[in-house]
Protein backbone atom coordinates (compact mmCIF):
# COMPACT_ATOMS: atom_id res chain seq x y z
CA UNK A 1 12.02 -21.97 -8.64
CA UNK A 2 15.51 -23.42 -7.13
CA UNK A 3 16.71 -22.52 -4.03
CA UNK A 4 20.62 -22.01 -3.71
CA UNK A 5 22.70 -21.31 -0.53
CA UNK A 6 25.57 -18.72 -0.86
CA UNK A 7 28.64 -21.00 -0.50
CA UNK A 8 29.87 -18.44 2.39
CA UNK A 9 27.47 -17.63 4.57
CA UNK A 10 25.05 -20.56 4.45
CA UNK A 11 22.18 -17.91 3.65
CA UNK A 12 19.10 -17.90 1.43
CA UNK A 13 20.35 -16.46 -1.67
CA UNK A 14 16.86 -17.10 -3.35
CA UNK A 15 15.41 -15.11 -0.07
CA UNK A 16 18.09 -12.66 -0.20
CA UNK A 17 16.82 -11.92 -4.15
CA UNK A 18 13.77 -12.16 -3.41
CA UNK A 19 14.16 -9.30 -0.69
CA UNK A 20 16.31 -7.33 -3.28
CA UNK A 21 13.42 -7.42 -5.96
CA UNK A 22 10.54 -6.54 -3.61
CA UNK A 23 12.83 -3.51 -2.29
CA UNK A 24 13.33 -2.19 -5.96
CA UNK A 25 9.22 -2.30 -6.92
CA UNK A 26 9.08 0.87 -4.66
CA UNK A 27 8.32 4.28 -6.09
CA UNK A 28 10.16 7.53 -5.44
CA UNK A 29 7.86 10.66 -5.16
CA UNK A 30 7.79 14.46 -4.40
CA UNK A 31 4.71 15.52 -2.71
CA UNK A 32 4.50 18.69 -0.67
CA UNK A 33 3.63 18.23 3.05
CA UNK A 34 2.35 21.09 4.82
CA UNK A 35 4.12 23.41 2.67
CA UNK A 36 7.13 21.49 2.94
CA UNK A 37 9.22 19.17 -0.15
CA UNK A 38 9.72 15.94 1.14
CA UNK A 39 10.28 12.76 -0.47
CA UNK A 40 7.96 9.24 -0.24
CA UNK A 41 8.91 5.38 -1.26
CA UNK A 42 5.47 3.91 -1.51
CA UNK A 43 4.01 0.93 -4.04
CA UNK A 44 2.41 1.11 -7.13
CA UNK A 45 -0.47 0.01 -5.24
CA UNK A 46 -0.45 2.42 -2.88
CA UNK A 47 0.36 5.35 -5.08
CA UNK A 48 -3.12 3.99 -7.14
CA UNK A 49 -4.87 3.60 -4.20
CA UNK A 50 -3.86 7.39 -3.15
CA UNK A 51 -4.77 8.65 -6.80
CA UNK A 52 -8.45 7.02 -6.41
CA UNK A 53 -9.09 8.28 -3.14
CA UNK A 54 -7.73 11.90 -4.67
CA UNK A 55 -10.47 11.62 -7.35
CA UNK A 56 -13.13 10.37 -5.34
CA UNK A 57 -12.71 13.30 -2.29
CA UNK A 58 -11.48 15.27 -4.68
CA UNK A 59 -8.35 16.77 -3.16
CA UNK A 60 -4.57 17.21 -4.50
CA UNK A 61 -2.20 14.48 -3.18
CA UNK A 62 -0.86 16.94 -1.59
CA UNK A 63 -3.83 17.95 0.46
CA UNK A 64 -4.17 14.54 1.30
CA UNK A 65 -1.10 13.92 2.07
CA UNK A 66 -1.33 16.65 3.92
CA UNK A 67 -4.42 15.87 5.90
CA UNK A 68 -2.89 12.16 6.65
CA UNK A 69 0.56 13.68 8.13
CA UNK A 70 -2.12 16.17 10.36
CA UNK A 71 -3.63 12.97 12.10
CA UNK A 72 -1.12 10.74 12.52
CA UNK A 73 0.77 9.85 15.87
CA UNK A 74 3.90 8.56 15.62
CA UNK A 75 4.22 6.51 12.97
CA UNK A 76 6.56 7.22 9.60
CA UNK A 77 4.31 9.49 7.31
CA UNK A 78 4.14 6.10 4.91
CA UNK A 79 3.11 3.71 7.55
CA UNK A 80 0.01 6.78 8.15
CA UNK A 81 -0.32 6.27 4.76
CA UNK A 82 -0.97 2.64 4.19
CA UNK A 83 -3.07 2.50 7.34
CA UNK A 84 -4.81 5.70 6.67
CA UNK A 85 -5.52 3.62 2.88
CA UNK A 86 -6.63 0.58 4.55
CA UNK A 87 -8.96 1.66 6.91
CA UNK A 88 -10.63 4.34 4.06
CA UNK A 89 -11.34 0.89 1.94
CA UNK A 90 -11.77 -0.88 4.85
CA UNK A 91 -15.04 1.62 5.36
CA UNK A 92 -15.93 1.78 1.63
CA UNK A 93 -16.21 -1.99 1.99
CA UNK A 94 -19.83 -3.30 1.85
CA UNK A 95 -21.21 -6.91 1.84
CA UNK A 96 -23.36 -5.33 -1.58
CA UNK A 97 -19.65 -4.22 -2.84
CA UNK A 98 -17.64 -7.78 -2.01
CA UNK A 99 -21.06 -9.44 -4.01
CA UNK A 100 -20.51 -7.44 -7.22
CA UNK A 101 -16.46 -7.92 -6.80
CA UNK A 102 -17.13 -11.58 -6.92
CA UNK A 103 -15.58 -12.22 -3.51
CA UNK A 104 -16.13 -14.86 -1.19
CA UNK A 105 -15.91 -17.65 -3.82
CA UNK A 106 -16.24 -20.21 -1.00
CA UNK A 107 -19.67 -19.18 -0.24
CA UNK A 108 -20.58 -19.73 -3.81
CA UNK A 109 -19.40 -23.38 -4.00
CA UNK A 110 -20.29 -24.52 -0.61
CA UNK A 111 -24.09 -23.73 0.19
CA UNK A 112 -24.95 -24.05 3.71
């Protein structure tokens, strides 16, 4: 990909374009949190991960997001959701699970 510089500002137009593209990948959805309706913008992968947790835990999206909202301190709801998902899947990760998923390919090639 060629980089180009905006002629009047001197900033990198490619970086600006990439930022605009990444911002547009957020998906806006309505949820009910503690009885009030609100909208949230998250990446598609975050929405998929939320749905996986809901399925595994037998909860609706609204129930799970309400629980996350009640547990958060000062961060935004979307930040709290991202942290919750990271912690949820990190806690579920085991050495055996990583091995079965094929993670850690370097150790297969460089046996010590």
